[in-house]
Amino acid sequence: MVCDGLDCDAIWVLGHSWGGHLAMHALVAAADRFRVAVIVEPLGAVSDGGRGAMFKHFASSLGPAEAAEWTRLEELSTTRGLSPEHDAAQMSLL
């Protein structure tokens, strides 16, 4: 954890949007390391962080070719799991 490298006992954390989602995970993993947490408009305190709803919304604005590639990538994620490469490929379509 970053706190270990900085030799911090207790820190303040601010998370907005996806950062809020990540901050919530950090709080669950090491609550004793944080003095204060400010979470602003997180994507959601759900297991996928609201990823499914967010990507569905983004996908609705794609053209036919991009939508077909989006669908192909979604099918890959279902059969092989998510990866950083998969996420980057999807985000490049937006």
Protein backbone atom coordinates (compact mmCIF):
# COMPACT_ATOMS: atom_id res chain seq x y z
CA MET A 1 0.00 0.00 0.00
CA VAL A 2 1.18 3.55 -0.69
CA CYS A 3 0.97 4.32 3.05
CA ASP A 4 3.72 1.80 3.72
CA GLY A 5 6.09 3.56 1.33
CA LEU A 6 5.32 6.96 2.83
CA ASP A 7 5.57 5.74 6.42
CA CYS A 8 2.09 7.08 7.24
CA ASP A 9 0.06 5.98 10.22
CA ALA A 10 -3.32 7.37 9.20
CA ILE A 11 -4.21 9.30 6.07
CA TRP A 12 -7.11 11.19 4.58
CA VAL A 13 -8.54 9.81 1.36
CA LEU A 14 -10.75 11.57 -1.17
CA GLY A 15 -12.36 9.59 -3.93
CA HIS A 16 -14.59 10.85 -6.74
CA SER A 17 -16.42 8.67 -9.27
CA TRP A 18 -14.26 5.59 -9.95
CA GLY A 19 -11.82 6.89 -7.33
CA GLY A 20 -14.66 6.76 -4.80
CA HIS A 21 -15.25 3.13 -5.68
CA LEU A 22 -11.55 2.35 -5.26
CA ALA A 23 -11.42 4.30 -1.98
CA MET A 24 -14.28 2.18 -0.61
CA HIS A 25 -12.32 -0.98 -1.44
CA ALA A 26 -9.23 0.46 0.28
CA LEU A 27 -11.31 1.28 3.35
CA VAL A 28 -12.65 -2.24 3.55
CA ALA A 29 -9.18 -3.72 3.11
CA ALA A 30 -7.40 -1.53 5.67
CA ALA A 31 -9.84 0.67 7.61
CA ASP A 32 -7.34 1.24 10.41
CA ARG A 33 -4.97 3.05 8.00
CA PHE A 34 -7.44 5.87 7.24
CA ARG A 35 -8.31 8.80 9.46
CA VAL A 36 -10.95 10.39 7.17
CA ALA A 37 -12.62 9.33 3.96
CA VAL A 38 -14.58 11.62 1.66
CA ILE A 39 -16.42 9.72 -1.04
CA VAL A 40 -18.05 11.88 -3.73
CA GLU A 41 -20.43 10.43 -6.35
CA PRO A 42 -18.90 6.95 -6.48
CA LEU A 43 -19.92 4.66 -9.28
CA GLY A 44 -21.55 2.45 -6.72
CA ALA A 45 -20.91 0.35 -3.71
CA VAL A 46 -21.71 -2.76 -5.72
CA SER A 47 -19.36 -5.53 -6.74
CA ASP A 48 -18.70 -4.18 -10.24
CA GLY A 49 -18.69 -0.52 -9.20
CA GLY A 50 -21.53 0.22 -11.60
CA ARG A 51 -19.38 -0.93 -14.52
CA GLY A 52 -22.19 -2.84 -16.23
CA ALA A 53 -24.60 0.09 -16.23
CA MET A 54 -21.88 2.55 -17.22
CA PHE A 55 -20.69 0.48 -20.18
CA LYS A 56 -24.25 -0.21 -21.31
CA HIS A 57 -24.84 3.54 -21.40
CA PHE A 58 -21.61 4.18 -23.34
CA ALA A 59 -22.29 1.35 -25.78
CA SER A 60 -25.67 2.85 -26.71
CA SER A 61 -23.86 5.74 -28.44
CA LEU A 62 -21.64 3.59 -30.68
CA GLY A 63 -22.00 3.21 -34.44
CA PRO A 64 -22.65 -0.20 -36.02
CA ALA A 65 -18.98 -1.22 -36.45
CA GLU A 66 -18.00 -0.11 -32.95
CA ALA A 67 -21.09 -1.77 -31.47
CA ALA A 68 -20.14 -5.07 -33.13
CA GLU A 69 -16.61 -4.85 -31.69
CA TRP A 70 -18.05 -3.91 -28.30
CA THR A 71 -20.26 -7.00 -28.37
CA ARG A 72 -17.30 -9.19 -29.34
CA LEU A 73 -15.26 -7.82 -26.42
CA GLU A 74 -18.16 -8.32 -24.00
CA GLU A 75 -18.49 -11.95 -25.10
CA LEU A 76 -14.75 -12.45 -24.55
CA SER A 77 -15.00 -10.98 -21.06
CA THR A 78 -17.83 -13.39 -20.25
CA THR A 79 -15.91 -16.45 -21.37
CA ARG A 80 -12.36 -15.45 -20.37
CA GLY A 81 -12.84 -12.89 -17.61
CA LEU A 82 -11.88 -9.24 -17.48
CA SER A 83 -8.35 -8.01 -18.13
CA PRO A 84 -6.66 -4.61 -18.38
CA GLU A 85 -6.24 -5.19 -22.11
CA HIS A 86 -9.97 -5.89 -22.49
CA ASP A 87 -10.89 -2.71 -20.62
CA ALA A 88 -8.46 -0.65 -22.69
CA ALA A 89 -9.86 -2.06 -25.94
CA GLN A 90 -13.42 -1.24 -24.88
CA MET A 91 -12.55 2.27 -23.73
CA SER A 92 -10.75 2.96 -27.03
CA LEU A 93 -14.09 2.51 -28.79
CA LEU A 94 -15.71 5.39 -26.89
